[in-house]
Amino acid sequence: MIDAEGYASILGLKDAESVKRLGRSDKLADRIPAIRKWLWRGKDIEAWFKQKQQAGDVLRRTAMGIASNLKRCSNDSVICLSPSDKIGSKVYGQEHVLGTTDTGRVELIELVKVDKSIALKVLKQLPKEDFPELADITDWVDLTYGRINEGLIVRLEAYF
């Protein structure tokens, strides 16, 4: 059994009260039910960490897929029409697009397929102060080519 002080130590928090506050807001592994103490089973904490890590991996892969599609579409003069045009569903890679291959030929290019619901979670989690290009965007499809830049792509690749 691990108490709040022990859990705080595991998480690198300063005190047990921080753990209790996170626990009350359901941001930690569930504590042992049916008792009135702040106690956790080690196996529950490990399972919670594993679940959070897997969720982070999914978000990271999704962000990388979005970044790849943004890079491909924004750097390709065949795809990009004007800075005010929206990238649309290309960001999700659900269709092939006409673009320039690595060898310089213009043909259909397969983009990275990205799950829309997870991509929207990624968008929601990105802090707007670090991603000002996304400040008023609620769906990736509304992103215009004029907002896509190398800085956005690099920050997106590095965030998760």
N, C-alpha and C. Protein backbone atom coordinates (compact mmCIF):
# COMPACT_ATOMS: atom_id res chain seq x y z
N MET A 1 0.84 -1.18 0.00
CA MET A 1 0.00 0.00 0.00
C MET A 1 0.88 1.24 0.00
N ILE A 2 0.42 2.23 -0.75
CA ILE A 2 1.17 3.48 -0.86
C ILE A 2 0.26 4.60 -0.36
N ASP A 3 0.77 5.40 0.56
CA ASP A 3 -0.01 6.52 1.07
C ASP A 3 0.23 7.76 0.21
N ALA A 4 -0.44 8.87 0.58
CA ALA A 4 -0.35 10.09 -0.21
C ALA A 4 1.08 10.65 -0.24
N GLU A 5 1.81 10.54 0.87
CA GLU A 5 3.21 11.00 0.90
C GLU A 5 4.06 10.19 -0.08
N GLY A 6 3.86 8.87 -0.07
CA GLY A 6 4.61 8.00 -0.98
C GLY A 6 4.28 8.28 -2.44
N TYR A 7 3.00 8.51 -2.71
CA TYR A 7 2.57 8.81 -4.08
C TYR A 7 3.16 10.15 -4.52
N ALA A 8 3.18 11.12 -3.60
CA ALA A 8 3.77 12.42 -3.91
C ALA A 8 5.24 12.25 -4.28
N SER A 9 5.93 11.41 -3.56
CA SER A 9 7.34 11.14 -3.85
C SER A 9 7.50 10.52 -5.23
N ILE A 10 6.65 9.55 -5.56
CA ILE A 10 6.70 8.89 -6.87
C ILE A 10 6.50 9.91 -7.99
N LEU A 11 5.55 10.82 -7.78
CA LEU A 11 5.22 11.81 -8.82
C LEU A 11 6.14 13.02 -8.81
N GLY A 12 6.98 13.12 -7.79
CA GLY A 12 7.87 14.26 -7.70
C GLY A 12 7.16 15.53 -7.24
N LEU A 13 6.08 15.35 -6.48
CA LEU A 13 5.34 16.50 -5.96
C LEU A 13 5.85 16.85 -4.57
N LYS A 14 5.57 18.06 -4.13
CA LYS A 14 6.15 18.54 -2.88
C LYS A 14 5.49 17.98 -1.63
N ASP A 15 4.18 17.65 -1.70
CA ASP A 15 3.53 17.17 -0.48
C ASP A 15 2.31 16.31 -0.79
N ALA A 16 1.79 15.70 0.27
CA ALA A 16 0.62 14.82 0.15
C ALA A 16 -0.63 15.59 -0.27
N GLU A 17 -0.72 16.85 0.14
CA GLU A 17 -1.90 17.65 -0.21
C GLU A 17 -2.02 17.82 -1.73
N SER A 18 -0.90 17.93 -2.42
CA SER A 18 -0.92 18.02 -3.89
C SER A 18 -1.51 16.76 -4.49
N VAL A 19 -1.14 15.62 -3.92
CA VAL A 19 -1.68 14.34 -4.40
C VAL A 19 -3.17 14.26 -4.14
N LYS A 20 -3.59 14.67 -2.97
CA LYS A 20 -5.02 14.63 -2.63
C LYS A 20 -5.83 15.54 -3.56
N ARG A 21 -5.27 16.71 -3.86
CA ARG A 21 -5.95 17.64 -4.76
C ARG A 21 -6.11 17.01 -6.15
N LEU A 22 -5.04 16.38 -6.65
CA LEU A 22 -5.12 15.70 -7.95
C LEU A 22 -6.09 14.51 -7.89
N GLY A 23 -6.07 13.81 -6.77
CA GLY A 23 -6.97 12.67 -6.60
C GLY A 23 -8.43 13.09 -6.61
N ARG A 24 -8.73 14.21 -5.95
CA ARG A 24 -10.11 14.70 -5.92
C ARG A 24 -10.58 15.12 -7.31
N SER A 25 -9.68 15.52 -8.17
CA SER A 25 -10.06 15.93 -9.52
C SER A 25 -9.91 14.78 -10.54
N ASP A 26 -9.76 13.56 -10.03
CA ASP A 26 -9.68 12.35 -10.88
C ASP A 26 -8.52 12.38 -11.87
N LYS A 27 -7.38 12.94 -11.46
CA LYS A 27 -6.22 12.99 -12.33
C LYS A 27 -5.15 11.99 -11.92
N LEU A 28 -5.51 11.07 -11.03
CA LEU A 28 -4.57 10.03 -10.58
C LEU A 28 -5.25 8.68 -10.66
N ALA A 29 -4.45 7.65 -10.42
CA ALA A 29 -5.02 6.31 -10.32
C ALA A 29 -6.07 6.31 -9.21
N ASP A 30 -7.07 5.46 -9.34
CA ASP A 30 -8.10 5.37 -8.31
C ASP A 30 -7.49 4.84 -7.02
N ARG A 31 -7.89 5.44 -5.92
CA ARG A 31 -7.39 4.94 -4.64
C ARG A 31 -8.21 3.72 -4.22
N ILE A 32 -7.78 3.07 -3.17
CA ILE A 32 -8.45 1.86 -2.72
C ILE A 32 -9.88 2.24 -2.30
N PRO A 33 -10.88 1.54 -2.86
CA PRO A 33 -12.27 1.89 -2.55
C PRO A 33 -12.68 1.42 -1.16
N ALA A 34 -13.74 2.01 -0.67
CA ALA A 34 -14.42 1.60 0.57
C ALA A 34 -13.61 1.86 1.83
N ILE A 35 -12.58 2.67 1.75
CA ILE A 35 -11.89 3.09 2.98
C ILE A 35 -11.78 4.61 2.94
N ARG A 36 -11.62 5.22 4.05
CA ARG A 36 -11.60 6.68 4.11
C ARG A 36 -10.17 7.22 4.22
N LYS A 37 -9.23 6.46 3.73
CA LYS A 37 -7.84 6.90 3.77
C LYS A 37 -7.33 7.07 2.34
N TRP A 38 -6.30 7.88 2.21
CA TRP A 38 -5.68 8.09 0.91
C TRP A 38 -4.60 7.02 0.73
N LEU A 39 -5.03 5.86 0.22
CA LEU A 39 -4.12 4.74 -0.02
C LEU A 39 -4.33 4.19 -1.43
N TRP A 40 -3.23 3.76 -2.03
CA TRP A 40 -3.27 3.17 -3.37
C TRP A 40 -2.51 1.86 -3.37
N ARG A 41 -2.89 0.98 -4.26
CA ARG A 41 -2.13 -0.25 -4.48
C ARG A 41 -1.05 0.06 -5.50
N GLY A 42 0.12 -0.47 -5.29
CA GLY A 42 1.22 -0.25 -6.22
C GLY A 42 0.86 -0.68 -7.63
N LYS A 43 0.17 -1.82 -7.76
CA LYS A 43 -0.19 -2.32 -9.09
C LYS A 43 -1.17 -1.38 -9.80
N ASP A 44 -2.04 -0.70 -9.04
CA ASP A 44 -2.97 0.26 -9.65
C ASP A 44 -2.23 1.48 -10.17
N ILE A 45 -1.23 1.93 -9.42
CA ILE A 45 -0.42 3.06 -9.86
C ILE A 45 0.36 2.69 -11.11
N GLU A 46 0.95 1.50 -11.13
CA GLU A 46 1.70 1.05 -12.31
C GLU A 46 0.80 0.97 -13.53
N ALA A 47 -0.41 0.41 -13.36
CA ALA A 47 -1.35 0.30 -14.48
C ALA A 47 -1.76 1.68 -14.98
N TRP A 48 -1.94 2.63 -14.06
CA TRP A 48 -2.31 3.98 -14.43
C TRP A 48 -1.18 4.64 -15.23
N PHE A 49 0.07 4.48 -14.77
CA PHE A 49 1.21 5.03 -15.50
C PHE A 49 1.29 4.44 -16.90
N LYS A 50 1.09 3.14 -17.00
CA LYS A 50 1.16 2.46 -18.31
C LYS A 50 0.08 2.99 -19.24
N GLN A 51 -1.12 3.16 -18.71
CA GLN A 51 -2.22 3.69 -19.52
C GLN A 51 -1.91 5.10 -20.00
N LYS A 52 -1.39 5.94 -19.11
CA LYS A 52 -1.03 7.31 -19.48
C LYS A 52 0.07 7.33 -20.53
N GLN A 53 1.04 6.42 -20.39
CA GLN A 53 2.13 6.34 -21.36
C GLN A 53 1.60 5.93 -22.73
N GLN A 54 0.71 4.93 -22.76
CA GLN A 54 0.14 4.49 -24.03
C GLN A 54 -0.68 5.60 -24.67
N ALA A 55 -1.45 6.33 -23.86
CA ALA A 55 -2.23 7.45 -24.39
C ALA A 55 -1.29 8.52 -24.96
N GLY A 56 -0.20 8.77 -24.26
CA GLY A 56 0.79 9.74 -24.75
C GLY A 56 1.42 9.29 -26.06
N ASP A 57 1.68 7.98 -26.19
CA ASP A 57 2.25 7.44 -27.42
C ASP A 57 1.29 7.65 -28.59
N VAL A 58 0.01 7.44 -28.35
CA VAL A 58 -0.99 7.63 -29.41
C VAL A 58 -1.04 9.11 -29.82
N LEU A 59 -1.04 10.00 -28.83
CA LEU A 59 -1.05 11.43 -29.13
C LEU A 59 0.21 11.83 -29.89
N ARG A 60 1.35 11.28 -29.47
CA ARG A 60 2.63 11.60 -30.12
C ARG A 60 2.62 11.14 -31.58
N ARG A 61 2.16 9.90 -31.83
CA ARG A 61 2.10 9.39 -33.22
C ARG A 61 1.14 10.22 -34.06
N THR A 62 0.02 10.60 -33.47
CA THR A 62 -0.96 11.41 -34.19
C THR A 62 -0.38 12.78 -34.53
N ALA A 63 0.27 13.42 -33.55
CA ALA A 63 0.89 14.73 -33.80
C ALA A 63 1.94 14.63 -34.89
N MET A 64 2.71 13.56 -34.89
CA MET A 64 3.73 13.38 -35.92
C MET A 64 3.09 13.20 -37.30
N GLY A 65 1.97 12.48 -37.36
CA GLY A 65 1.26 12.30 -38.62
C GLY A 65 0.71 13.61 -39.15
N ILE A 66 0.14 14.40 -38.25
CA ILE A 66 -0.37 15.72 -38.64
C ILE A 66 0.77 16.58 -39.15
N ALA A 67 1.88 16.59 -38.40
CA ALA A 67 3.04 17.40 -38.80
C ALA A 67 3.54 16.97 -40.17
N SER A 68 3.59 15.68 -40.41
CA SER A 68 4.04 15.18 -41.71
C SER A 68 3.12 15.65 -42.84
N ASN A 69 1.82 15.56 -42.60
CA ASN A 69 0.87 15.99 -43.62
C ASN A 69 0.93 17.50 -43.85
N LEU A 70 1.08 18.26 -42.76
CA LEU A 70 1.20 19.72 -42.90
C LEU A 70 2.45 20.07 -43.68
N LYS A 71 3.54 19.39 -43.37
CA LYS A 71 4.81 19.65 -44.05
C LYS A 71 4.69 19.33 -45.54
N ARG A 72 4.13 18.16 -45.84
CA ARG A 72 3.99 17.73 -47.22
C ARG A 72 3.13 18.71 -48.01
N CYS A 73 2.00 19.10 -47.42
CA CYS A 73 1.06 19.96 -48.14
C CYS A 73 1.55 21.40 -48.23
N SER A 74 2.19 21.91 -47.18
CA SER A 74 2.59 23.32 -47.20
C SER A 74 3.82 23.56 -48.05
N ASN A 75 4.66 22.55 -48.23
CA ASN A 75 5.88 22.72 -49.02
C ASN A 75 5.71 22.36 -50.49
N ASP A 76 4.52 21.95 -50.87
CA ASP A 76 4.29 21.47 -52.23
C ASP A 76 3.49 22.49 -53.02
N SER A 77 4.10 23.09 -54.02
CA SER A 77 3.43 24.12 -54.81
C SER A 77 2.27 23.57 -55.62
N VAL A 78 2.25 22.27 -55.87
CA VAL A 78 1.13 21.67 -56.61
C VAL A 78 -0.12 21.64 -55.74
N ILE A 79 0.06 21.35 -54.44
CA ILE A 79 -1.07 21.25 -53.53
C ILE A 79 -1.55 22.62 -53.10
N CYS A 80 -0.65 23.47 -52.69
CA CYS A 80 -0.97 24.77 -52.10
C CYS A 80 -1.48 25.74 -53.16
N LEU A 81 -2.64 26.30 -52.94
CA LEU A 81 -3.21 27.25 -53.88
C LEU A 81 -2.91 28.69 -53.47
N SER A 82 -3.30 29.06 -52.25
CA SER A 82 -3.00 30.40 -51.75
C SER A 82 -2.97 30.36 -50.22
N PRO A 83 -2.35 31.35 -49.61
CA PRO A 83 -2.25 31.35 -48.14
C PRO A 83 -3.61 31.35 -47.43
N SER A 84 -4.66 31.84 -48.08
CA SER A 84 -5.98 31.88 -47.44
C SER A 84 -6.77 30.59 -47.60
N ASP A 85 -6.29 29.67 -48.44
CA ASP A 85 -6.98 28.39 -48.61
C ASP A 85 -6.81 27.53 -47.37
N LYS A 86 -7.86 26.79 -47.04
CA LYS A 86 -7.81 25.87 -45.90
C LYS A 86 -7.22 24.54 -46.35
N ILE A 87 -6.49 23.91 -45.43
CA ILE A 87 -5.88 22.62 -45.75
C ILE A 87 -6.94 21.54 -45.91
N GLY A 88 -8.05 21.69 -45.22
CA GLY A 88 -9.15 20.74 -45.36
C GLY A 88 -8.80 19.35 -44.85
N SER A 89 -9.45 18.36 -45.42
CA SER A 89 -9.30 16.98 -44.94
C SER A 89 -7.93 16.39 -45.24
N LYS A 90 -7.11 17.08 -46.00
CA LYS A 90 -5.76 16.58 -46.28
C LYS A 90 -4.97 16.38 -44.99
N VAL A 91 -5.27 17.20 -43.97
CA VAL A 91 -4.55 17.08 -42.71
C VAL A 91 -4.75 15.70 -42.08
N TYR A 92 -5.88 15.07 -42.35
CA TYR A 92 -6.17 13.74 -41.80
C TYR A 92 -5.66 12.61 -42.69
N GLY A 93 -5.16 12.95 -43.87
CA GLY A 93 -4.59 11.95 -44.77
C GLY A 93 -5.57 10.90 -45.25
N GLN A 94 -6.83 11.24 -45.29
CA GLN A 94 -7.86 10.26 -45.67
C GLN A 94 -7.98 10.08 -47.18
N GLU A 95 -7.21 10.84 -47.92
CA GLU A 95 -7.28 10.75 -49.38
C GLU A 95 -5.88 10.95 -49.95
N HIS A 96 -5.66 10.47 -51.13
CA HIS A 96 -4.41 10.76 -51.82
C HIS A 96 -4.54 12.16 -52.42
N VAL A 97 -3.43 12.85 -52.53
CA VAL A 97 -3.46 14.19 -53.10
C VAL A 97 -2.46 14.26 -54.25
N LEU A 98 -2.75 15.16 -55.17
CA LEU A 98 -1.83 15.39 -56.26
C LEU A 98 -0.70 16.27 -55.73
N GLY A 99 0.52 15.78 -55.84
CA GLY A 99 1.66 16.53 -55.33
C GLY A 99 2.95 16.09 -55.98
N THR A 100 4.02 16.65 -55.48
CA THR A 100 5.35 16.38 -56.03
C THR A 100 6.04 15.30 -55.21
N THR A 101 6.52 14.26 -55.89
CA THR A 101 7.24 13.19 -55.19
C THR A 101 8.66 13.64 -54.89
N ASP A 102 9.38 12.82 -54.14
CA ASP A 102 10.78 13.14 -53.81
C ASP A 102 11.65 13.22 -55.06
N THR A 103 11.24 12.55 -56.12
CA THR A 103 12.01 12.58 -57.36
C THR A 103 11.62 13.74 -58.27
N GLY A 104 10.62 14.56 -57.83
CA GLY A 104 10.23 15.72 -58.60
C GLY A 104 9.08 15.48 -59.56
N ARG A 105 8.52 14.28 -59.57
CA ARG A 105 7.39 14.00 -60.45
C ARG A 105 6.09 14.40 -59.77
N VAL A 106 5.13 14.85 -60.57
CA VAL A 106 3.81 15.19 -60.04
C VAL A 106 2.92 13.97 -60.21
N GLU A 107 2.41 13.47 -59.10
CA GLU A 107 1.52 12.31 -59.12
C GLU A 107 0.75 12.25 -57.81
N LEU A 108 -0.11 11.25 -57.68
CA LEU A 108 -0.87 11.08 -56.44
C LEU A 108 0.07 10.65 -55.32
N ILE A 109 -0.04 11.32 -54.18
CA ILE A 109 0.81 11.04 -53.03
C ILE A 109 -0.07 10.59 -51.87
N GLU A 110 0.36 9.56 -51.19
CA GLU A 110 -0.36 9.07 -50.02
C GLU A 110 0.14 9.81 -48.79
N LEU A 111 -0.79 10.44 -48.08
CA LEU A 111 -0.46 11.13 -46.84
C LEU A 111 -0.60 10.15 -45.67
N VAL A 112 -0.12 10.56 -44.50
CA VAL A 112 -0.23 9.73 -43.30
C VAL A 112 -1.68 9.77 -42.82
N LYS A 113 -2.28 8.60 -42.62
CA LYS A 113 -3.65 8.54 -42.13
C LYS A 113 -3.65 8.86 -40.63
N VAL A 114 -4.54 9.78 -40.26
CA VAL A 114 -4.63 10.25 -38.89
C VAL A 114 -6.08 10.13 -38.43
N ASP A 115 -6.28 9.56 -37.25
CA ASP A 115 -7.62 9.44 -36.68
C ASP A 115 -8.11 10.83 -36.27
N LYS A 116 -9.24 11.24 -36.81
CA LYS A 116 -9.73 12.61 -36.58
C LYS A 116 -10.01 12.87 -35.11
N SER A 117 -10.65 11.93 -34.41
CA SER A 117 -10.99 12.19 -33.01
C SER A 117 -9.74 12.37 -32.15
N ILE A 118 -8.70 11.60 -32.42
CA ILE A 118 -7.45 11.75 -31.66
C ILE A 118 -6.76 13.05 -32.07
N ALA A 119 -6.81 13.38 -33.36
CA ALA A 119 -6.21 14.63 -33.83
C ALA A 119 -6.88 15.83 -33.18
N LEU A 120 -8.18 15.77 -32.97
CA LEU A 120 -8.87 16.86 -32.30
C LEU A 120 -8.48 16.95 -30.82
N LYS A 121 -8.19 15.80 -30.20
CA LYS A 121 -7.68 15.80 -28.82
C LYS A 121 -6.31 16.46 -28.77
N VAL A 122 -5.47 16.15 -29.76
CA VAL A 122 -4.15 16.78 -29.84
C VAL A 122 -4.32 18.29 -29.94
N LEU A 123 -5.18 18.74 -30.83
CA LEU A 123 -5.41 20.17 -31.03
C LEU A 123 -5.88 20.84 -29.74
N LYS A 124 -6.77 20.17 -29.03
CA LYS A 124 -7.32 20.72 -27.78
C LYS A 124 -6.25 20.83 -26.70
N GLN A 125 -5.29 19.90 -26.68
CA GLN A 125 -4.26 19.89 -25.64
C GLN A 125 -3.12 20.87 -25.90
N LEU A 126 -2.95 21.31 -27.12
CA LEU A 126 -1.85 22.21 -27.43
C LEU A 126 -2.10 23.58 -26.82
N PRO A 127 -1.16 24.09 -26.03
CA PRO A 127 -1.36 25.40 -25.42
C PRO A 127 -1.30 26.51 -26.48
N LYS A 128 -2.33 27.31 -26.51
CA LYS A 128 -2.45 28.34 -27.55
C LYS A 128 -1.32 29.37 -27.46
N GLU A 129 -0.76 29.57 -26.26
CA GLU A 129 0.34 30.53 -26.17
C GLU A 129 1.60 30.00 -26.86
N ASP A 130 1.75 28.68 -26.94
CA ASP A 130 2.88 28.08 -27.64
C ASP A 130 2.59 27.83 -29.12
N PHE A 131 1.32 27.85 -29.47
CA PHE A 131 0.90 27.59 -30.86
C PHE A 131 -0.07 28.69 -31.30
N PRO A 132 0.42 29.93 -31.43
CA PRO A 132 -0.48 31.04 -31.78
C PRO A 132 -1.16 30.86 -33.14
N GLU A 133 -0.57 30.07 -34.01
CA GLU A 133 -1.17 29.82 -35.33
C GLU A 133 -2.51 29.09 -35.20
N LEU A 134 -2.71 28.43 -34.05
CA LEU A 134 -3.91 27.62 -33.85
C LEU A 134 -4.90 28.29 -32.90
N ALA A 135 -4.67 29.55 -32.56
CA ALA A 135 -5.44 30.23 -31.51
C ALA A 135 -6.95 30.15 -31.71
N ASP A 136 -7.45 30.31 -32.90
CA ASP A 136 -8.89 30.30 -33.12
C ASP A 136 -9.34 29.08 -33.94
N ILE A 137 -8.52 28.06 -33.98
CA ILE A 137 -8.82 26.86 -34.76
C ILE A 137 -9.44 25.80 -33.84
N THR A 138 -10.61 25.27 -34.20
CA THR A 138 -11.23 24.21 -33.42
C THR A 138 -11.18 22.87 -34.15
N ASP A 139 -10.81 22.90 -35.42
CA ASP A 139 -10.64 21.68 -36.21
C ASP A 139 -9.48 21.93 -37.18
N TRP A 140 -8.61 20.95 -37.29
CA TRP A 140 -7.43 21.09 -38.15
C TRP A 140 -7.80 21.47 -39.58
N VAL A 141 -8.96 21.05 -40.07
CA VAL A 141 -9.35 21.33 -41.46
C VAL A 141 -9.49 22.82 -41.72
N ASP A 142 -9.68 23.62 -40.67
CA ASP A 142 -9.86 25.06 -40.82
C ASP A 142 -8.53 25.82 -40.88
N LEU A 143 -7.43 25.12 -40.69
CA LEU A 143 -6.11 25.75 -40.74
C LEU A 143 -5.81 26.18 -42.18
N THR A 144 -5.42 27.44 -42.34
CA THR A 144 -5.10 27.93 -43.68
C THR A 144 -3.61 27.72 -43.96
N TYR A 145 -3.27 27.65 -45.24
CA TYR A 145 -1.88 27.45 -45.64
C TYR A 145 -0.98 28.58 -45.14
N GLY A 146 -1.52 29.79 -45.04
CA GLY A 146 -0.74 30.92 -44.58
C GLY A 146 -0.28 30.78 -43.13
N ARG A 147 -0.96 29.97 -42.34
CA ARG A 147 -0.60 29.76 -40.93
C ARG A 147 0.39 28.61 -40.74
N ILE A 148 0.53 27.79 -41.75
CA ILE A 148 1.44 26.64 -41.64
C ILE A 148 2.85 27.11 -41.94
N ASN A 149 3.73 26.96 -40.98
CA ASN A 149 5.12 27.36 -41.18
C ASN A 149 6.03 26.31 -40.52
N GLU A 150 7.29 26.42 -40.80
CA GLU A 150 8.25 25.45 -40.27
C GLU A 150 8.26 25.44 -38.75
N GLY A 151 8.11 26.60 -38.12
CA GLY A 151 8.08 26.68 -36.66
C GLY A 151 6.93 25.89 -36.07
N LEU A 152 5.75 26.02 -36.66
CA LEU A 152 4.58 25.27 -36.19
C LEU A 152 4.84 23.77 -36.30
N ILE A 153 5.36 23.35 -37.41
CA ILE A 153 5.61 21.92 -37.64
C ILE A 153 6.64 21.39 -36.64
N VAL A 154 7.72 22.12 -36.43
CA VAL A 154 8.76 21.69 -35.49
C VAL A 154 8.22 21.63 -34.07
N ARG A 155 7.46 22.65 -33.66
CA ARG A 155 6.88 22.64 -32.30
C ARG A 155 5.90 21.50 -32.13
N LEU A 156 5.11 21.21 -33.17
CA LEU A 156 4.16 20.11 -33.10
C LEU A 156 4.88 18.77 -32.99
N GLU A 157 5.94 18.60 -33.74
CA GLU A 157 6.72 17.36 -33.67
C GLU A 157 7.36 17.17 -32.29
N ALA A 158 7.73 18.26 -31.65
CA ALA A 158 8.45 18.18 -30.38
C ALA A 158 7.55 18.19 -29.16
N TYR A 159 6.29 18.57 -29.29
CA TYR A 159 5.46 18.81 -28.12
C TYR A 159 5.16 17.55 -27.30
N PHE A 160 4.77 16.47 -27.95
CA PHE A 160 4.32 15.28 -27.21
C PHE A 160 5.43 14.32 -26.95
